[in-house]
PDB file of all heavy atoms in Angstrom:
ATOM      1  N   PHE A   1     -70.526  29.907 -21.827  1.00  0.00           N
ATOM      2  CA  PHE A   1     -71.796  30.597 -22.002  1.00  0.00           C
ATOM      3  C   PHE A   1     -73.011  29.705 -21.744  1.00  0.00           C
ATOM      4  O   PHE A   1     -74.033  30.151 -21.237  1.00  0.00           O
ATOM      5  CB  PHE A   1     -71.893  31.217 -23.407  1.00  0.00           C
ATOM      6  CG  PHE A   1     -71.027  32.421 -23.598  1.00  0.00           C
ATOM      7  CD1 PHE A   1     -69.739  32.286 -24.080  1.00  0.00           C
ATOM      8  CD2 PHE A   1     -71.496  33.681 -23.291  1.00  0.00           C
ATOM      9  CE1 PHE A   1     -68.922  33.399 -24.246  1.00  0.00           C
ATOM     10  CE2 PHE A   1     -70.695  34.800 -23.467  1.00  0.00           C
ATOM     11  CZ  PHE A   1     -69.403  34.657 -23.944  1.00  0.00           C
ATOM     12  N   ARG A   2     -72.929  28.440 -22.145  1.00  0.00           N
ATOM     13  CA  ARG A   2     -74.036  27.522 -21.884  1.00  0.00           C
ATOM     14  C   ARG A   2     -73.853  26.899 -20.509  1.00  0.00           C
ATOM     15  O   ARG A   2     -72.884  26.178 -20.270  1.00  0.00           O
ATOM     16  CB  ARG A   2     -74.131  26.427 -22.959  1.00  0.00           C
ATOM     17  CG  ARG A   2     -75.343  25.509 -22.760  1.00  0.00           C
ATOM     18  CD  ARG A   2     -75.615  24.663 -23.980  1.00  0.00           C
ATOM     19  NE  ARG A   2     -76.878  23.944 -23.804  1.00  0.00           N
ATOM     20  CZ  ARG A   2     -77.580  23.412 -24.826  1.00  0.00           C
ATOM     21  NH1 ARG A   2     -77.143  23.527 -26.063  1.00  0.00           N
ATOM     22  NH2 ARG A   2     -78.690  22.786 -24.584  1.00  0.00           N
ATOM     23  N   LEU A   3     -74.781  27.133 -19.631  1.00  0.00           N
ATOM     24  CA  LEU A   3     -74.662  26.703 -18.232  1.00  0.00           C
ATOM     25  C   LEU A   3     -75.747  25.678 -17.919  1.00  0.00           C
ATOM     26  O   LEU A   3     -76.950  25.992 -17.993  1.00  0.00           O
ATOM     27  CB  LEU A   3     -74.807  27.906 -17.294  1.00  0.00           C
ATOM     28  CG  LEU A   3     -73.901  29.102 -17.624  1.00  0.00           C
ATOM     29  CD1 LEU A   3     -74.236  30.279 -16.696  1.00  0.00           C
ATOM     30  CD2 LEU A   3     -72.443  28.739 -17.484  1.00  0.00           C
ATOM     31  N   GLY A   4     -75.355  24.488 -17.573  1.00  0.00           N
ATOM     32  CA  GLY A   4     -76.274  23.459 -17.108  1.00  0.00           C
ATOM     33  C   GLY A   4     -77.428  23.229 -18.071  1.00  0.00           C
ATOM     34  O   GLY A   4     -77.225  22.990 -19.265  1.00  0.00           O
ATOM     35  N   PRO A   5     -78.686  23.309 -17.576  1.00  0.00           N
ATOM     36  CA  PRO A   5     -79.841  23.006 -18.419  1.00  0.00           C
ATOM     37  C   PRO A   5     -80.273  24.148 -19.324  1.00  0.00           C
ATOM     38  O   PRO A   5     -81.315  24.048 -19.986  1.00  0.00           O
ATOM     39  CB  PRO A   5     -80.923  22.711 -17.367  1.00  0.00           C
ATOM     40  CG  PRO A   5     -80.534  23.565 -16.193  1.00  0.00           C
ATOM     41  CD  PRO A   5     -79.041  23.551 -16.160  1.00  0.00           C
ATOM     42  N   MET A   6     -79.478  25.194 -19.409  1.00  0.00           N
ATOM     43  CA  MET A   6     -79.823  26.324 -20.286  1.00  0.00           C
ATOM     44  C   MET A   6     -80.013  25.835 -21.713  1.00  0.00           C
ATOM     45  O   MET A   6     -79.283  24.955 -22.205  1.00  0.00           O
ATOM     46  CB  MET A   6     -78.680  27.334 -20.224  1.00  0.00           C
ATOM     47  CG  MET A   6     -78.944  28.670 -20.900  1.00  0.00           C
ATOM     48  SD  MET A   6     -77.495  29.762 -20.690  1.00  0.00           S
ATOM     49  CE  MET A   6     -77.612  30.103 -18.915  1.00  0.00           C
ATOM     50  N   ASN A   7     -81.023  26.363 -22.433  1.00  0.00           N
ATOM     51  CA  ASN A   7     -81.283  25.881 -23.806  1.00  0.00           C
ATOM     52  C   ASN A   7     -80.408  26.617 -24.816  1.00  0.00           C
ATOM     53  O   ASN A   7     -79.767  27.630 -24.487  1.00  0.00           O
ATOM     54  CB  ASN A   7     -82.752  25.976 -24.168  1.00  0.00           C
ATOM     55  CG  ASN A   7     -83.288  27.400 -24.185  1.00  0.00           C
ATOM     56  OD1 ASN A   7     -82.667  28.306 -24.717  1.00  0.00           O
ATOM     57  ND2 ASN A   7     -84.482  27.589 -23.601  1.00  0.00           N
ATOM     58  N   TYR A   8     -80.386  26.095 -26.027  1.00  0.00           N
ATOM     59  CA  TYR A   8     -79.518  26.675 -27.062  1.00  0.00           C
ATOM     60  C   TYR A   8     -79.896  28.116 -27.369  1.00  0.00           C
ATOM     61  O   TYR A   8     -79.013  28.978 -27.541  1.00  0.00           O
ATOM     62  CB  TYR A   8     -79.562  25.839 -28.341  1.00  0.00           C
ATOM     63  CG  TYR A   8     -78.805  26.523 -29.466  1.00  0.00           C
ATOM     64  CD1 TYR A   8     -77.437  26.524 -29.474  1.00  0.00           C
ATOM     65  CD2 TYR A   8     -79.488  27.247 -30.449  1.00  0.00           C
ATOM     66  CE1 TYR A   8     -76.704  27.208 -30.483  1.00  0.00           C
ATOM     67  CE2 TYR A   8     -78.786  27.926 -31.454  1.00  0.00           C
ATOM     68  CZ  TYR A   8     -77.408  27.904 -31.455  1.00  0.00           C
ATOM     69  OH  TYR A   8     -76.727  28.574 -32.427  1.00  0.00           O
ATOM     70  N   GLU A   9     -81.171  28.420 -27.451  1.00  0.00           N
ATOM     71  CA  GLU A   9     -81.621  29.757 -27.809  1.00  0.00           C
ATOM     72  C   GLU A   9     -81.126  30.787 -26.802  1.00  0.00           C
ATOM     73  O   GLU A   9     -80.683  31.889 -27.182  1.00  0.00           O
ATOM     74  CB  GLU A   9     -83.136  29.804 -27.952  1.00  0.00           C
ATOM     75  CG  GLU A   9     -83.689  29.060 -29.148  1.00  0.00           C
ATOM     76  CD  GLU A   9     -83.639  27.561 -28.995  1.00  0.00           C
ATOM     77  OE1 GLU A   9     -83.566  27.047 -27.851  1.00  0.00           O
ATOM     78  OE2 GLU A   9     -83.630  26.864 -30.058  1.00  0.00           O
ATOM     79  N   GLN A  10     -81.216  30.468 -25.513  1.00  0.00           N
ATOM     80  CA  GLN A  10     -80.723  31.385 -24.479  1.00  0.00           C
ATOM     81  C   GLN A  10     -79.207  31.572 -24.610  1.00  0.00           C
ATOM     82  O   GLN A  10     -78.698  32.699 -24.484  1.00  0.00           O
ATOM     83  CB  GLN A  10     -81.058  30.827 -23.076  1.00  0.00           C
ATOM     84  CG  GLN A  10     -82.551  30.844 -22.758  1.00  0.00           C
ATOM     85  CD  GLN A  10     -82.882  30.022 -21.532  1.00  0.00           C
ATOM     86  OE1 GLN A  10     -82.269  28.980 -21.285  1.00  0.00           O
ATOM     87  NE2 GLN A  10     -83.818  30.508 -20.742  1.00  0.00           N
ATOM     88  N   THR A  11     -78.502  30.481 -24.858  1.00  0.00           N
ATOM     89  CA  THR A  11     -77.048  30.529 -25.007  1.00  0.00           C
ATOM     90  C   THR A  11     -76.656  31.406 -26.220  1.00  0.00           C
ATOM     91  O   THR A  11     -75.764  32.242 -26.121  1.00  0.00           O
ATOM     92  CB  THR A  11     -76.484  29.115 -25.192  1.00  0.00           C
ATOM     93  OG1 THR A  11     -76.918  28.299 -24.099  1.00  0.00           O
ATOM     94  CG2 THR A  11     -74.972  29.142 -25.235  1.00  0.00           C
ATOM     95  N   ALA A  12     -77.301  31.164 -27.346  1.00  0.00           N
ATOM     96  CA  ALA A  12     -76.993  31.928 -28.566  1.00  0.00           C
ATOM     97  C   ALA A  12     -77.251  33.414 -28.390  1.00  0.00           C
ATOM     98  O   ALA A  12     -76.458  34.249 -28.845  1.00  0.00           O
ATOM     99  CB  ALA A  12     -77.786  31.364 -29.739  1.00  0.00           C
ATOM    100  N   ALA A  13     -78.351  33.738 -27.698  1.00  0.00           N
ATOM    101  CA  ALA A  13     -78.666  35.157 -27.466  1.00  0.00           C
ATOM    102  C   ALA A  13     -77.610  35.806 -26.584  1.00  0.00           C
ATOM    103  O   ALA A  13     -77.166  36.943 -26.818  1.00  0.00           O
ATOM    104  CB  ALA A  13     -80.048  35.281 -26.818  1.00  0.00           C
ATOM    105  N   SER A  14     -77.175  35.106 -25.526  1.00  0.00           N
ATOM    106  CA  SER A  14     -76.151  35.620 -24.633  1.00  0.00           C
ATOM    107  C   SER A  14     -74.815  35.800 -25.363  1.00  0.00           C
ATOM    108  O   SER A  14     -74.155  36.843 -25.254  1.00  0.00           O
ATOM    109  CB  SER A  14     -75.961  34.661 -23.448  1.00  0.00           C
ATOM    110  OG  SER A  14     -74.851  34.983 -22.663  1.00  0.00           O
ATOM    111  N   LEU A  15     -74.450  34.815 -26.137  1.00  0.00           N
ATOM    112  CA  LEU A  15     -73.191  34.854 -26.913  1.00  0.00           C
ATOM    113  C   LEU A  15     -73.181  36.029 -27.883  1.00  0.00           C
ATOM    114  O   LEU A  15     -72.187  36.755 -27.998  1.00  0.00           O
ATOM    115  CB  LEU A  15     -73.006  33.526 -27.634  1.00  0.00           C
ATOM    116  CG  LEU A  15     -71.727  33.235 -28.351  1.00  0.00           C
ATOM    117  CD1 LEU A  15     -70.545  33.198 -27.395  1.00  0.00           C
ATOM    118  CD2 LEU A  15     -71.824  31.891 -29.086  1.00  0.00           C
ATOM    119  N   THR A  16     -74.327  36.222 -28.541  1.00  0.00           N
ATOM    120  CA  THR A  16     -74.401  37.309 -29.522  1.00  0.00           C
ATOM    121  C   THR A  16     -74.385  38.677 -28.838  1.00  0.00           C
ATOM    122  O   THR A  16     -73.714  39.619 -29.306  1.00  0.00           O
ATOM    123  CB  THR A  16     -75.688  37.158 -30.350  1.00  0.00           C
ATOM    124  OG1 THR A  16     -75.681  35.865 -30.989  1.00  0.00           O
ATOM    125  CG2 THR A  16     -75.797  38.226 -31.426  1.00  0.00           C
ATOM    126  N   LEU A  17     -75.096  38.815 -27.700  1.00  0.00           N
ATOM    127  CA  LEU A  17     -75.050  40.075 -26.960  1.00  0.00           C
ATOM    128  C   LEU A  17     -73.647  40.383 -26.478  1.00  0.00           C
ATOM    129  O   LEU A  17     -73.209  41.542 -26.492  1.00  0.00           O
ATOM    130  CB  LEU A  17     -76.012  39.998 -25.759  1.00  0.00           C
ATOM    131  CG  LEU A  17     -77.458  40.477 -25.951  1.00  0.00           C
ATOM    132  CD1 LEU A  17     -78.259  40.241 -24.694  1.00  0.00           C
ATOM    133  CD2 LEU A  17     -77.471  41.975 -26.318  1.00  0.00           C
ATOM    134  N   PHE A  18     -72.944  39.349 -26.005  1.00  0.00           N
ATOM    135  CA  PHE A  18     -71.577  39.577 -25.541  1.00  0.00           C
ATOM    136  C   PHE A  18     -70.727  40.126 -26.687  1.00  0.00           C
ATOM    137  O   PHE A  18     -69.956  41.098 -26.524  1.00  0.00           O
ATOM    138  CB  PHE A  18     -70.958  38.291 -25.009  1.00  0.00           C
ATOM    139  CG  PHE A  18     -69.631  38.491 -24.379  1.00  0.00           C
ATOM    140  CD1 PHE A  18     -69.506  38.703 -23.017  1.00  0.00           C
ATOM    141  CD2 PHE A  18     -68.454  38.478 -25.125  1.00  0.00           C
ATOM    142  CE1 PHE A  18     -68.266  38.926 -22.425  1.00  0.00           C
ATOM    143  CE2 PHE A  18     -67.211  38.696 -24.551  1.00  0.00           C
ATOM    144  CZ  PHE A  18     -67.128  38.901 -23.202  1.00  0.00           C
ATOM    145  N   ASN A  19     -70.864  39.524 -27.852  1.00  0.00           N
ATOM    146  CA  ASN A  19     -70.082  39.943 -29.006  1.00  0.00           C
ATOM    147  C   ASN A  19     -70.425  41.387 -29.415  1.00  0.00           C
ATOM    148  O   ASN A  19     -69.562  42.202 -29.691  1.00  0.00           O
ATOM    149  CB  ASN A  19     -70.305  39.003 -30.163  1.00  0.00           C
ATOM    150  CG  ASN A  19     -69.507  39.372 -31.390  1.00  0.00           C
ATOM    151  OD1 ASN A  19     -68.308  39.154 -31.442  1.00  0.00           O
ATOM    152  ND2 ASN A  19     -70.166  39.919 -32.401  1.00  0.00           N
ATOM    153  N   ASP A  20     -71.730  41.671 -29.451  1.00  0.00           N
ATOM    154  CA  ASP A  20     -72.176  42.953 -30.009  1.00  0.00           C
ATOM    155  C   ASP A  20     -72.063  44.114 -29.029  1.00  0.00           C
ATOM    156  O   ASP A  20     -71.810  45.270 -29.447  1.00  0.00           O
ATOM    157  CB  ASP A  20     -73.629  42.835 -30.476  1.00  0.00           C
ATOM    158  CG  ASP A  20     -73.795  41.862 -31.645  1.00  0.00           C
ATOM    159  OD1 ASP A  20     -72.755  41.495 -32.245  1.00  0.00           O
ATOM    160  OD2 ASP A  20     -74.948  41.496 -31.933  1.00  0.00           O
ATOM    161  N   LYS A  21     -72.256  43.827 -27.717  1.00  0.00           N
ATOM    162  CA  LYS A  21     -72.368  44.934 -26.767  1.00  0.00           C
ATOM    163  C   LYS A  21     -71.372  44.916 -25.620  1.00  0.00           C
ATOM    164  O   LYS A  21     -71.129  45.959 -25.017  1.00  0.00           O
ATOM    165  CB  LYS A  21     -73.799  44.977 -26.208  1.00  0.00           C
ATOM    166  CG  LYS A  21     -74.860  45.271 -27.241  1.00  0.00           C
ATOM    167  CD  LYS A  21     -76.240  45.453 -26.604  1.00  0.00           C
ATOM    168  CE  LYS A  21     -77.306  45.807 -27.662  1.00  0.00           C
ATOM    169  NZ  LYS A  21     -78.623  46.020 -27.049  1.00  0.00           N
ATOM    170  N   VAL A  22     -70.788  43.734 -25.294  1.00  0.00           N
ATOM    171  CA  VAL A  22     -69.836  43.696 -24.192  1.00  0.00           C
ATOM    172  C   VAL A  22     -68.428  43.951 -24.686  1.00  0.00           C
ATOM    173  O   VAL A  22     -67.668  44.734 -24.108  1.00  0.00           O
ATOM    174  CB  VAL A  22     -69.920  42.350 -23.428  1.00  0.00           C
ATOM    175  CG1 VAL A  22     -68.860  42.325 -22.337  1.00  0.00           C
ATOM    176  CG2 VAL A  22     -71.305  42.175 -22.840  1.00  0.00           C
ATOM    177  N   ILE A  23     -68.048  43.274 -25.771  1.00  0.00           N
ATOM    178  CA  ILE A  23     -66.654  43.417 -26.266  1.00  0.00           C
ATOM    179  C   ILE A  23     -66.338  44.890 -26.561  1.00  0.00           C
ATOM    180  O   ILE A  23     -65.257  45.373 -26.157  1.00  0.00           O
ATOM    181  CB  ILE A  23     -66.436  42.509 -27.474  1.00  0.00           C
ATOM    182  CG1 ILE A  23     -66.437  41.030 -27.040  1.00  0.00           C
ATOM    183  CG2 ILE A  23     -65.109  42.865 -28.168  1.00  0.00           C
ATOM    184  CD1 ILE A  23     -66.268  40.041 -28.195  1.00  0.00           C
ATOM    185  N   PRO A  24     -67.232  45.635 -27.210  1.00  0.00           N
ATOM    186  CA  PRO A  24     -66.894  47.056 -27.421  1.00  0.00           C
ATOM    187  C   PRO A  24     -66.688  47.836 -26.128  1.00  0.00           C
ATOM    188  O   PRO A  24     -65.878  48.766 -26.071  1.00  0.00           O
ATOM    189  CB  PRO A  24     -68.113  47.587 -28.189  1.00  0.00           C
ATOM    190  CG  PRO A  24     -68.682  46.409 -28.885  1.00  0.00           C
ATOM    191  CD  PRO A  24     -68.465  45.263 -27.928  1.00  0.00           C
ATOM    192  N   GLY A  25     -67.378  47.425 -25.067  1.00  0.00           N
ATOM    193  CA  GLY A  25     -67.213  48.087 -23.764  1.00  0.00           C
ATOM    194  C   GLY A  25     -65.929  47.742 -23.044  1.00  0.00           C
ATOM    195  O   GLY A  25     -65.515  48.417 -22.117  1.00  0.00           O
ATOM    196  N   LEU A  26     -65.279  46.686 -23.513  1.00  0.00           N
ATOM    197  CA  LEU A  26     -64.008  46.289 -22.921  1.00  0.00           C
ATOM    198  C   LEU A  26     -62.818  46.759 -23.764  1.00  0.00           C
ATOM    199  O   LEU A  26     -61.671  46.405 -23.469  1.00  0.00           O
ATOM    200  CB  LEU A  26     -63.935  44.750 -22.764  1.00  0.00           C
ATOM    201  CG  LEU A  26     -64.813  44.178 -21.656  1.00  0.00           C
ATOM    202  CD1 LEU A  26     -64.934  42.675 -21.764  1.00  0.00           C
ATOM    203  CD2 LEU A  26     -64.249  44.555 -20.281  1.00  0.00           C
TER     204      LEU A  26
END
């Protein structure tokens, strides 16, 4: 989820969205 120079806040938001909204869709 953390790619290159991406900051922690962006990574945490992506990780949380994946958990909350992507996993249910799969």
